[in-house]
Amino acid sequence: MRRHAPGPAGPRGVTGGRLPRPARDARFAIGACAALTAYNNVLGLRPWHNRWYARLNAAATGAALAAARGSGFTAGDIGIGRGRWLPGRLGSGLAAGATAGWLLIAVLPATRPLLDDKRVAGLDGRAVAYQALVRIPVGTALWEETAFRGVLQAALRRVMPSTAAILVTSAVFGVWHVRPTLQALRVNGLAADRRPALAGTCAGVAGTAAAGVLLSWLRARSGRLAAPVLLHAAVNSGALVAAQAIAARSRRREPRPPVTEGASGAVPPG
């Protein structure tokens, strides 16, 4: 009887028990979408996540880069290759424009209500400095831009056209903000009823998805991950500082309690 050489093991088209490259790329992209959605909307509910926010997200940044490296991505794919560490002229210009925009909003009386946020009203100067210089740049901007504009966008570009990759990345970025948007609405008293809470959350998700399109475009146009990182940090930290400045200004203008005249002079009512 004639003997035949054994064929490849496993499903047709699989060599050495490994999936072909397109299937592995698709599985990595889908897994990244699912992991990012769960990370912020599930883990973000835990008290320890807020307590260790900057450190946890810095570690998550390293984990995302390691996962991308293990899947065959190069530094250039993610936008952190040689000569790409600085944000470049375009990224720096947009970041400066964002900072100037927050300054203008804070100065104009008609736009100041946009900065009314009870989450920052009770922060002192030290807390604001930590938020603006550490928590937001490291825990938010660096982590989110590495995860979305660095790893996820590069992963999606392997399995779909560039424009589609930007749209999907931005949609996932919007969904990532469901929990933070709902929490912000609750803190500011805007989510007492289900319908306003749903409408506000949908608006917040749509707004962050639109911002994600700009950040993804900037990443693709500049070829540098540092460009969207700087813009993201400028937008978030600028909003915080401007909101805190408005809150401090409002506290200074609050009327002081009346005083009554006693035998020994002005004495606060007791």
C-alpha atoms as a PDB file:
ATOM      1  CA  MET A   1       0.000   0.000   0.000  1.00  0.00           C
ATOM      2  CA  ARG A   2       1.315   3.409  -0.980  1.00  0.00           C
ATOM      3  CA  ARG A   3       1.958   5.672   1.970  1.00  0.00           C
ATOM      4  CA  HIS A   4       1.340   9.382   1.881  1.00  0.00           C
ATOM      5  CA  ALA A   5       3.264  12.013   3.756  1.00  0.00           C
ATOM      6  CA  PRO A   6       1.213  13.411   6.632  1.00  0.00           C
ATOM      7  CA  GLY A   7      -0.403  16.769   5.987  1.00  0.00           C
ATOM      8  CA  PRO A   8      -0.208  19.799   8.258  1.00  0.00           C
ATOM      9  CA  ALA A   9      -1.807  19.366  11.639  1.00  0.00           C
ATOM     10  CA  GLY A  10      -4.858  21.346  12.617  1.00  0.00           C
ATOM     11  CA  PRO A  11      -7.346  23.228  10.434  1.00  0.00           C
ATOM     12  CA  ARG A  12      -6.629  23.855   6.785  1.00  0.00           C
ATOM     13  CA  GLY A  13      -4.343  26.829   6.248  1.00  0.00           C
ATOM     14  CA  VAL A  14      -2.816  26.619   9.719  1.00  0.00           C
ATOM     15  CA  THR A  15       0.899  25.978   9.943  1.00  0.00           C
ATOM     16  CA  GLY A  16       2.450  24.544  13.042  1.00  0.00           C
ATOM     17  CA  GLY A  17      -0.830  24.928  14.964  1.00  0.00           C
ATOM     18  CA  ARG A  18      -0.816  28.734  14.635  1.00  0.00           C
ATOM     19  CA  LEU A  19      -3.504  30.863  13.056  1.00  0.00           C
ATOM     20  CA  PRO A  20      -2.573  32.651   9.816  1.00  0.00           C
ATOM     21  CA  ARG A  21      -1.456  36.236  10.233  1.00  0.00           C
ATOM     22  CA  PRO A  22      -4.741  37.921   9.145  1.00  0.00           C
ATOM     23  CA  ALA A  23      -6.714  35.852  11.655  1.00  0.00           C
ATOM     24  CA  ARG A  24      -4.248  36.647  14.447  1.00  0.00           C
ATOM     25  CA  ASP A  25      -4.383  40.342  13.604  1.00  0.00           C
ATOM     26  CA  ALA A  26      -8.186  40.331  13.630  1.00  0.00           C
ATOM     27  CA  ARG A  27      -8.292  38.473  16.936  1.00  0.00           C
ATOM     28  CA  PHE A  28      -5.845  40.934  18.512  1.00  0.00           C
ATOM     29  CA  ALA A  29      -7.870  43.940  17.286  1.00  0.00           C
ATOM     30  CA  ILE A  30     -11.168  42.503  18.569  1.00  0.00           C
ATOM     31  CA  GLY A  31      -9.581  41.574  21.888  1.00  0.00           C
ATOM     32  CA  ALA A  32      -8.144  45.081  22.253  1.00  0.00           C
ATOM     33  CA  CYS A  33     -11.578  46.650  21.642  1.00  0.00           C
ATOM     34  CA  ALA A  34     -13.202  44.409  24.248  1.00  0.00           C
ATOM     35  CA  ALA A  35     -10.429  44.859  26.817  1.00  0.00           C
ATOM     36  CA  LEU A  36     -10.438  48.661  26.564  1.00  0.00           C
ATOM     37  CA  THR A  37     -14.226  48.863  26.849  1.00  0.00           C
ATOM     38  CA  ALA A  38     -14.202  46.698  29.977  1.00  0.00           C
ATOM     39  CA  TYR A  39     -11.180  48.387  31.556  1.00  0.00           C
ATOM     40  CA  ASN A  40     -12.706  51.804  32.032  1.00  0.00           C
ATOM     41  CA  ASN A  41     -16.361  50.866  32.436  1.00  0.00           C
ATOM     42  CA  VAL A  42     -15.882  47.897  34.774  1.00  0.00           C
ATOM     43  CA  LEU A  43     -12.569  48.341  36.594  1.00  0.00           C
ATOM     44  CA  GLY A  44     -13.201  52.053  36.834  1.00  0.00           C
ATOM     45  CA  LEU A  45     -16.069  51.344  39.231  1.00  0.00           C
ATOM     46  CA  ARG A  46     -13.708  49.932  41.850  1.00  0.00           C
ATOM     47  CA  PRO A  47     -12.607  52.337  44.613  1.00  0.00           C
ATOM     48  CA  TRP A  48      -9.020  51.126  44.397  1.00  0.00           C
ATOM     49  CA  HIS A  49      -8.885  52.128  40.733  1.00  0.00           C
ATOM     50  CA  ASN A  50      -9.471  55.771  41.590  1.00  0.00           C
ATOM     51  CA  ARG A  51      -7.055  55.581  44.530  1.00  0.00           C
ATOM     52  CA  TRP A  52      -4.214  54.210  42.392  1.00  0.00           C
ATOM     53  CA  TYR A  53      -5.337  55.831  39.153  1.00  0.00           C
ATOM     54  CA  ALA A  54      -2.058  57.210  37.821  1.00  0.00           C
ATOM     55  CA  ARG A  55       0.041  54.208  38.865  1.00  0.00           C
ATOM     56  CA  LEU A  56      -2.415  51.624  37.550  1.00  0.00           C
ATOM     57  CA  ASN A  57      -2.790  53.378  34.228  1.00  0.00           C
ATOM     58  CA  ALA A  58       0.965  53.814  33.878  1.00  0.00           C
ATOM     59  CA  ALA A  59       1.315  50.054  34.399  1.00  0.00           C
ATOM     60  CA  ALA A  60      -1.496  49.468  31.885  1.00  0.00           C
ATOM     61  CA  THR A  61       0.413  51.606  29.375  1.00  0.00           C
ATOM     62  CA  GLY A  62       3.422  49.331  29.722  1.00  0.00           C
ATOM     63  CA  ALA A  63       1.223  46.242  29.435  1.00  0.00           C
ATOM     64  CA  ALA A  64      -0.394  47.532  26.234  1.00  0.00           C
ATOM     65  CA  LEU A  65       2.995  48.223  24.671  1.00  0.00           C
ATOM     66  CA  ALA A  66       4.236  44.768  25.691  1.00  0.00           C
ATOM     67  CA  ALA A  67       1.150  43.125  24.187  1.00  0.00           C
ATOM     68  CA  ALA A  68       1.637  45.055  20.954  1.00  0.00           C
ATOM     69  CA  ARG A  69       5.296  44.085  20.838  1.00  0.00           C
ATOM     70  CA  GLY A  70       4.371  40.440  21.374  1.00  0.00           C
ATOM     71  CA  SER A  71       1.962  40.659  18.434  1.00  0.00           C
ATOM     72  CA  GLY A  72       4.637  41.903  16.077  1.00  0.00           C
ATOM     73  CA  PHE A  73       4.129  45.661  16.191  1.00  0.00           C
ATOM     74  CA  THR A  74       7.185  47.849  15.830  1.00  0.00           C
ATOM     75  CA  ALA A  75       7.819  51.155  17.586  1.00  0.00           C
ATOM     76  CA  GLY A  76       7.138  52.884  14.281  1.00  0.00           C
ATOM     77  CA  ASP A  77       3.719  51.220  14.009  1.00  0.00           C
ATOM     78  CA  ILE A  78       2.721  52.758  17.335  1.00  0.00           C
ATOM     79  CA  GLY A  79       4.294  56.154  16.630  1.00  0.00           C
ATOM     80  CA  ILE A  80       7.162  56.087  19.099  1.00  0.00           C
ATOM     81  CA  GLY A  81      10.035  55.194  16.819  1.00  0.00           C
ATOM     82  CA  ARG A  82      13.309  57.043  16.484  1.00  0.00           C
ATOM     83  CA  GLY A  83      12.808  60.737  15.811  1.00  0.00           C
ATOM     84  CA  ARG A  84       9.142  60.622  16.888  1.00  0.00           C
ATOM     85  CA  TRP A  85       9.422  61.325  20.604  1.00  0.00           C
ATOM     86  CA  LEU A  86       8.515  65.005  20.272  1.00  0.00           C
ATOM     87  CA  PRO A  87       4.989  66.132  19.324  1.00  0.00           C
ATOM     88  CA  GLY A  88       6.085  68.127  16.304  1.00  0.00           C
ATOM     89  CA  ARG A  89       4.846  71.459  15.029  1.00  0.00           C
ATOM     90  CA  LEU A  90       1.277  70.375  14.322  1.00  0.00           C
ATOM     91  CA  GLY A  91       0.723  68.745  17.708  1.00  0.00           C
ATOM     92  CA  SER A  92       2.320  71.636  19.570  1.00  0.00           C
ATOM     93  CA  GLY A  93       0.240  74.186  17.672  1.00  0.00           C
ATOM     94  CA  LEU A  94      -3.046  72.402  18.394  1.00  0.00           C
ATOM     95  CA  ALA A  95      -2.134  72.034  22.075  1.00  0.00           C
ATOM     96  CA  ALA A  96      -1.361  75.748  22.317  1.00  0.00           C
ATOM     97  CA  GLY A  97      -4.663  76.526  20.607  1.00  0.00           C
ATOM     98  CA  ALA A  98      -6.553  74.331  23.091  1.00  0.00           C
ATOM     99  CA  THR A  99      -4.918  76.118  26.029  1.00  0.00           C
ATOM    100  CA  ALA A 100      -5.783  79.497  24.567  1.00  0.00           C
ATOM    101  CA  GLY A 101      -9.350  78.323  24.003  1.00  0.00           C
ATOM    102  CA  TRP A 102      -9.819  77.447  27.683  1.00  0.00           C
ATOM    103  CA  LEU A 103      -8.384  80.828  28.652  1.00  0.00           C
ATOM    104  CA  LEU A 104     -10.876  82.558  26.375  1.00  0.00           C
ATOM    105  CA  ILE A 105     -13.784  80.542  27.796  1.00  0.00           C
ATOM    106  CA  ALA A 106     -12.741  81.469  31.330  1.00  0.00           C
ATOM    107  CA  VAL A 107     -12.454  85.170  30.482  1.00  0.00           C
ATOM    108  CA  LEU A 108     -15.763  85.640  28.652  1.00  0.00           C
ATOM    109  CA  PRO A 109     -18.781  85.883  31.015  1.00  0.00           C
ATOM    110  CA  ALA A 110     -21.070  84.210  28.464  1.00  0.00           C
ATOM    111  CA  THR A 111     -18.975  81.033  28.348  1.00  0.00           C
ATOM    112  CA  ARG A 112     -17.913  80.752  31.991  1.00  0.00           C
ATOM    113  CA  PRO A 113     -20.877  78.498  32.929  1.00  0.00           C
ATOM    114  CA  LEU A 114     -19.334  75.825  30.698  1.00  0.00           C
ATOM    115  CA  LEU A 115     -16.614  75.447  33.331  1.00  0.00           C
ATOM    116  CA  ASP A 116     -18.996  74.914  36.233  1.00  0.00           C
ATOM    117  CA  ASP A 117     -17.972  71.499  37.580  1.00  0.00           C
ATOM    118  CA  LYS A 118     -18.570  70.526  41.197  1.00  0.00           C
ATOM    119  CA  ARG A 119     -15.832  67.882  40.982  1.00  0.00           C
ATOM    120  CA  VAL A 120     -13.147  70.581  41.100  1.00  0.00           C
ATOM    121  CA  ALA A 121     -14.861  73.102  43.351  1.00  0.00           C
ATOM    122  CA  GLY A 122     -13.353  71.641  46.529  1.00  0.00           C
ATOM    123  CA  LEU A 123      -9.809  71.071  45.264  1.00  0.00           C
ATOM    124  CA  ASP A 124      -6.999  73.100  46.785  1.00  0.00           C
ATOM    125  CA  GLY A 125      -3.954  74.327  44.909  1.00  0.00           C
ATOM    126  CA  ARG A 126      -1.862  71.257  45.680  1.00  0.00           C
ATOM    127  CA  ALA A 127      -4.572  68.903  44.478  1.00  0.00           C
ATOM    128  CA  VAL A 128      -5.034  70.898  41.272  1.00  0.00           C
ATOM    129  CA  ALA A 129      -1.280  70.825  40.602  1.00  0.00           C
ATOM    130  CA  TYR A 130      -1.194  67.047  41.072  1.00  0.00           C
ATOM    131  CA  GLN A 131      -4.186  66.555  38.802  1.00  0.00           C
ATOM    132  CA  ALA A 132      -2.901  68.861  36.075  1.00  0.00           C
ATOM    133  CA  LEU A 133       0.747  67.761  36.109  1.00  0.00           C
ATOM    134  CA  VAL A 134       0.622  64.054  37.052  1.00  0.00           C
ATOM    135  CA  ARG A 135      -2.779  62.391  37.109  1.00  0.00           C
ATOM    136  CA  ILE A 136      -4.050  63.784  33.803  1.00  0.00           C
ATOM    137  CA  PRO A 137      -0.825  63.687  31.721  1.00  0.00           C
ATOM    138  CA  VAL A 138       0.266  60.228  32.936  1.00  0.00           C
ATOM    139  CA  GLY A 139      -2.909  58.516  34.089  1.00  0.00           C
ATOM    140  CA  THR A 140      -5.198  59.823  31.359  1.00  0.00           C
ATOM    141  CA  ALA A 141      -3.468  61.304  28.303  1.00  0.00           C
ATOM    142  CA  LEU A 142      -0.454  58.982  28.055  1.00  0.00           C
ATOM    143  CA  TRP A 143      -2.454  55.842  28.867  1.00  0.00           C
ATOM    144  CA  GLU A 144      -5.453  56.555  26.643  1.00  0.00           C
ATOM    145  CA  GLU A 145      -3.415  57.752  23.676  1.00  0.00           C
ATOM    146  CA  THR A 146      -1.079  54.755  23.893  1.00  0.00           C
ATOM    147  CA  ALA A 147      -4.035  52.385  24.127  1.00  0.00           C
ATOM    148  CA  PHE A 148      -6.199  53.975  21.427  1.00  0.00           C
ATOM    149  CA  ARG A 149      -4.133  56.033  19.014  1.00  0.00           C
ATOM    150  CA  GLY A 150      -1.036  53.870  19.505  1.00  0.00           C
ATOM    151  CA  VAL A 151      -1.988  50.202  19.858  1.00  0.00           C
ATOM    152  CA  LEU A 152      -5.656  49.942  18.840  1.00  0.00           C
ATOM    153  CA  GLN A 153      -5.425  52.194  15.802  1.00  0.00           C
ATOM    154  CA  ALA A 154      -2.341  50.339  14.572  1.00  0.00           C
ATOM    155  CA  ALA A 155      -4.064  46.989  15.155  1.00  0.00           C
ATOM    156  CA  LEU A 156      -7.169  48.040  13.244  1.00  0.00           C
ATOM    157  CA  ARG A 157      -5.119  49.382  10.351  1.00  0.00           C
ATOM    158  CA  ARG A 158      -3.862  45.838   9.806  1.00  0.00           C
ATOM    159  CA  VAL A 159      -7.362  44.542   9.173  1.00  0.00           C
ATOM    160  CA  MET A 160      -9.205  47.504   7.614  1.00  0.00           C
ATOM    161  CA  PRO A 161      -8.566  50.747   5.679  1.00  0.00           C
ATOM    162  CA  SER A 162      -7.116  53.721   7.521  1.00  0.00           C
ATOM    163  CA  THR A 163     -10.348  55.749   7.574  1.00  0.00           C
ATOM    164  CA  ALA A 164     -12.331  52.815   8.944  1.00  0.00           C
ATOM    165  CA  ALA A 165      -9.640  52.209  11.569  1.00  0.00           C
ATOM    166  CA  ILE A 166      -9.946  55.820  12.729  1.00  0.00           C
ATOM    167  CA  LEU A 167     -13.739  55.595  12.948  1.00  0.00           C
ATOM    168  CA  VAL A 168     -13.730  52.322  14.892  1.00  0.00           C
ATOM    169  CA  THR A 169     -10.987  53.559  17.232  1.00  0.00           C
ATOM    170  CA  SER A 170     -12.980  56.717  17.906  1.00  0.00           C
ATOM    171  CA  ALA A 171     -16.212  54.790  18.498  1.00  0.00           C
ATOM    172  CA  VAL A 172     -14.524  52.571  21.090  1.00  0.00           C
ATOM    173  CA  PHE A 173     -13.017  55.712  22.635  1.00  0.00           C
ATOM    174  CA  GLY A 174     -16.528  57.119  22.978  1.00  0.00           C
ATOM    175  CA  VAL A 175     -17.843  53.943  24.635  1.00  0.00           C
ATOM    176  CA  TRP A 176     -14.814  54.044  26.967  1.00  0.00           C
ATOM    177  CA  HIS A 177     -16.284  57.262  28.423  1.00  0.00           C
ATOM    178  CA  VAL A 178     -19.753  55.917  29.345  1.00  0.00           C
ATOM    179  CA  ARG A 179     -18.951  55.512  33.054  1.00  0.00           C
ATOM    180  CA  PRO A 180     -16.982  58.785  33.485  1.00  0.00           C
ATOM    181  CA  THR A 181     -19.718  60.744  31.705  1.00  0.00           C
ATOM    182  CA  LEU A 182     -22.467  59.257  33.866  1.00  0.00           C
ATOM    183  CA  GLN A 183     -20.461  59.923  37.033  1.00  0.00           C
ATOM    184  CA  ALA A 184     -19.885  63.545  36.023  1.00  0.00           C
ATOM    185  CA  LEU A 185     -23.612  63.998  35.381  1.00  0.00           C
ATOM    186  CA  ARG A 186     -24.459  62.574  38.805  1.00  0.00           C
ATOM    187  CA  VAL A 187     -21.948  64.735  40.645  1.00  0.00           C
ATOM    188  CA  ASN A 188     -23.298  67.856  38.975  1.00  0.00           C
ATOM    189  CA  GLY A 189     -26.930  66.919  39.660  1.00  0.00           C
ATOM    190  CA  LEU A 190     -27.826  66.294  36.015  1.00  0.00           C
ATOM    191  CA  ALA A 191     -28.757  62.622  36.223  1.00  0.00           C
ATOM    192  CA  ALA A 192     -31.644  62.586  38.691  1.00  0.00           C
ATOM    193  CA  ASP A 193     -34.007  61.054  36.113  1.00  0.00           C
ATOM    194  CA  ARG A 194     -33.293  58.267  33.677  1.00  0.00           C
ATOM    195  CA  ARG A 195     -34.124  60.211  30.515  1.00  0.00           C
ATOM    196  CA  PRO A 196     -31.789  63.186  31.174  1.00  0.00           C
ATOM    197  CA  ALA A 197     -29.078  60.770  32.318  1.00  0.00           C
ATOM    198  CA  LEU A 198     -29.389  58.741  29.101  1.00  0.00           C
ATOM    199  CA  ALA A 199     -29.442  61.847  26.919  1.00  0.00           C
ATOM    200  CA  GLY A 200     -26.443  63.348  28.710  1.00  0.00           C
ATOM    201  CA  THR A 201     -24.467  60.116  28.515  1.00  0.00           C
ATOM    202  CA  CYS A 202     -25.180  59.714  24.798  1.00  0.00           C
ATOM    203  CA  ALA A 203     -24.117  63.319  24.203  1.00  0.00           C
ATOM    204  CA  GLY A 204     -20.926  62.778  26.194  1.00  0.00           C
ATOM    205  CA  VAL A 205     -20.089  59.587  24.306  1.00  0.00           C
ATOM    206  CA  ALA A 206     -20.720  61.286  20.961  1.00  0.00           C
ATOM    207  CA  GLY A 207     -18.564  64.242  21.962  1.00  0.00           C
ATOM    208  CA  THR A 208     -15.636  62.106  23.064  1.00  0.00           C
ATOM    209  CA  ALA A 209     -15.954  59.979  19.922  1.00  0.00           C
ATOM    210  CA  ALA A 210     -15.725  63.155  17.845  1.00  0.00           C
ATOM    211  CA  ALA A 211     -12.678  64.229  19.846  1.00  0.00           C
ATOM    212  CA  GLY A 212     -11.260  60.768  19.184  1.00  0.00           C
ATOM    213  CA  VAL A 213     -11.543  61.362  15.447  1.00  0.00           C
ATOM    214  CA  LEU A 214      -9.425  64.501  15.776  1.00  0.00           C
ATOM    215  CA  LEU A 215      -6.830  62.719  17.931  1.00  0.00           C
ATOM    216  CA  SER A 216      -6.690  59.747  15.556  1.00  0.00           C
ATOM    217  CA  TRP A 217      -6.336  62.055  12.573  1.00  0.00           C
ATOM    218  CA  LEU A 218      -3.526  63.895  14.347  1.00  0.00           C
ATOM    219  CA  ARG A 219      -1.778  60.602  15.065  1.00  0.00           C
ATOM    220  CA  ALA A 220      -2.048  59.529  11.417  1.00  0.00           C
ATOM    221  CA  ARG A 221      -1.091  62.932  10.004  1.00  0.00           C
ATOM    222  CA  SER A 222       1.904  63.562  12.270  1.00  0.00           C
ATOM    223  CA  GLY A 223       3.104  59.960  12.519  1.00  0.00           C
ATOM    224  CA  ARG A 224       3.825  60.668  16.204  1.00  0.00           C
ATOM    225  CA  LEU A 225       2.018  59.362  19.262  1.00  0.00           C
ATOM    226  CA  ALA A 226       3.388  62.326  21.243  1.00  0.00           C
ATOM    227  CA  ALA A 227       1.214  64.733  19.242  1.00  0.00           C
ATOM    228  CA  PRO A 228      -2.186  63.423  20.435  1.00  0.00           C
ATOM    229  CA  VAL A 229      -0.738  62.842  23.926  1.00  0.00           C
ATOM    230  CA  LEU A 230       0.192  66.523  24.222  1.00  0.00           C
ATOM    231  CA  LEU A 231      -3.127  67.723  22.788  1.00  0.00           C
ATOM    232  CA  HIS A 232      -5.109  65.411  25.084  1.00  0.00           C
ATOM    233  CA  ALA A 233      -3.183  66.592  28.150  1.00  0.00           C
ATOM    234  CA  ALA A 234      -3.586  70.243  27.155  1.00  0.00           C
ATOM    235  CA  VAL A 235      -7.355  69.887  26.730  1.00  0.00           C
ATOM    236  CA  ASN A 236      -7.965  68.026  29.995  1.00  0.00           C
ATOM    237  CA  SER A 237      -5.485  69.875  32.195  1.00  0.00           C
ATOM    238  CA  GLY A 238      -6.491  73.208  30.678  1.00  0.00           C
ATOM    239  CA  ALA A 239     -10.146  72.539  31.454  1.00  0.00           C
ATOM    240  CA  LEU A 240      -9.293  71.607  35.041  1.00  0.00           C
ATOM    241  CA  VAL A 241      -7.175  74.700  35.685  1.00  0.00           C
ATOM    242  CA  ALA A 242      -9.733  76.992  34.061  1.00  0.00           C
ATOM    243  CA  ALA A 243     -12.607  75.442  36.049  1.00  0.00           C
ATOM    244  CA  GLN A 244     -10.648  75.763  39.276  1.00  0.00           C
ATOM    245  CA  ALA A 245      -9.850  79.401  38.527  1.00  0.00           C
ATOM    246  CA  ILE A 246     -13.541  80.151  37.969  1.00  0.00           C
ATOM    247  CA  ALA A 247     -14.502  78.292  41.167  1.00  0.00           C
ATOM    248  CA  ALA A 248     -11.915  80.222  43.186  1.00  0.00           C
ATOM    249  CA  ARG A 249     -13.142  83.490  41.678  1.00  0.00           C
ATOM    250  CA  SER A 250     -16.725  82.627  42.641  1.00  0.00           C
ATOM    251  CA  ARG A 251     -15.707  81.825  46.211  1.00  0.00           C
ATOM    252  CA  ARG A 252     -13.962  85.181  46.568  1.00  0.00           C
ATOM    253  CA  ARG A 253     -17.089  86.989  45.348  1.00  0.00           C
ATOM    254  CA  GLU A 254     -19.484  85.191  47.665  1.00  0.00           C
ATOM    255  CA  PRO A 255     -21.083  87.641  50.140  1.00  0.00           C
ATOM    256  CA  ARG A 256     -19.654  87.418  53.619  1.00  0.00           C
ATOM    257  CA  PRO A 257     -21.997  86.739  56.542  1.00  0.00           C
ATOM    258  CA  PRO A 258     -23.346  89.895  58.166  1.00  0.00           C
ATOM    259  CA  VAL A 259     -21.828  91.185  61.375  1.00  0.00           C
ATOM    260  CA  THR A 260     -23.446  92.741  64.386  1.00  0.00           C
ATOM    261  CA  GLU A 261     -22.051  95.549  66.469  1.00  0.00           C
ATOM    262  CA  GLY A 262     -21.284  94.579  70.064  1.00  0.00           C
ATOM    263  CA  ALA A 263     -19.840  96.519  72.954  1.00  0.00           C
ATOM    264  CA  SER A 264     -16.322  95.558  71.943  1.00  0.00           C
ATOM    265  CA  GLY A 265     -16.716  96.117  68.225  1.00  0.00           C
ATOM    266  CA  ALA A 266     -17.789  93.975  65.248  1.00  0.00           C
ATOM    267  CA  VAL A 267     -18.540  90.461  66.353  1.00  0.00           C
ATOM    268  CA  PRO A 268     -19.739  87.694  63.972  1.00  0.00           C
ATOM    269  CA  PRO A 269     -23.152  86.368  64.906  1.00  0.00           C
ATOM    270  CA  GLY A 270     -22.746  83.252  66.984  1.00  0.00           C
END
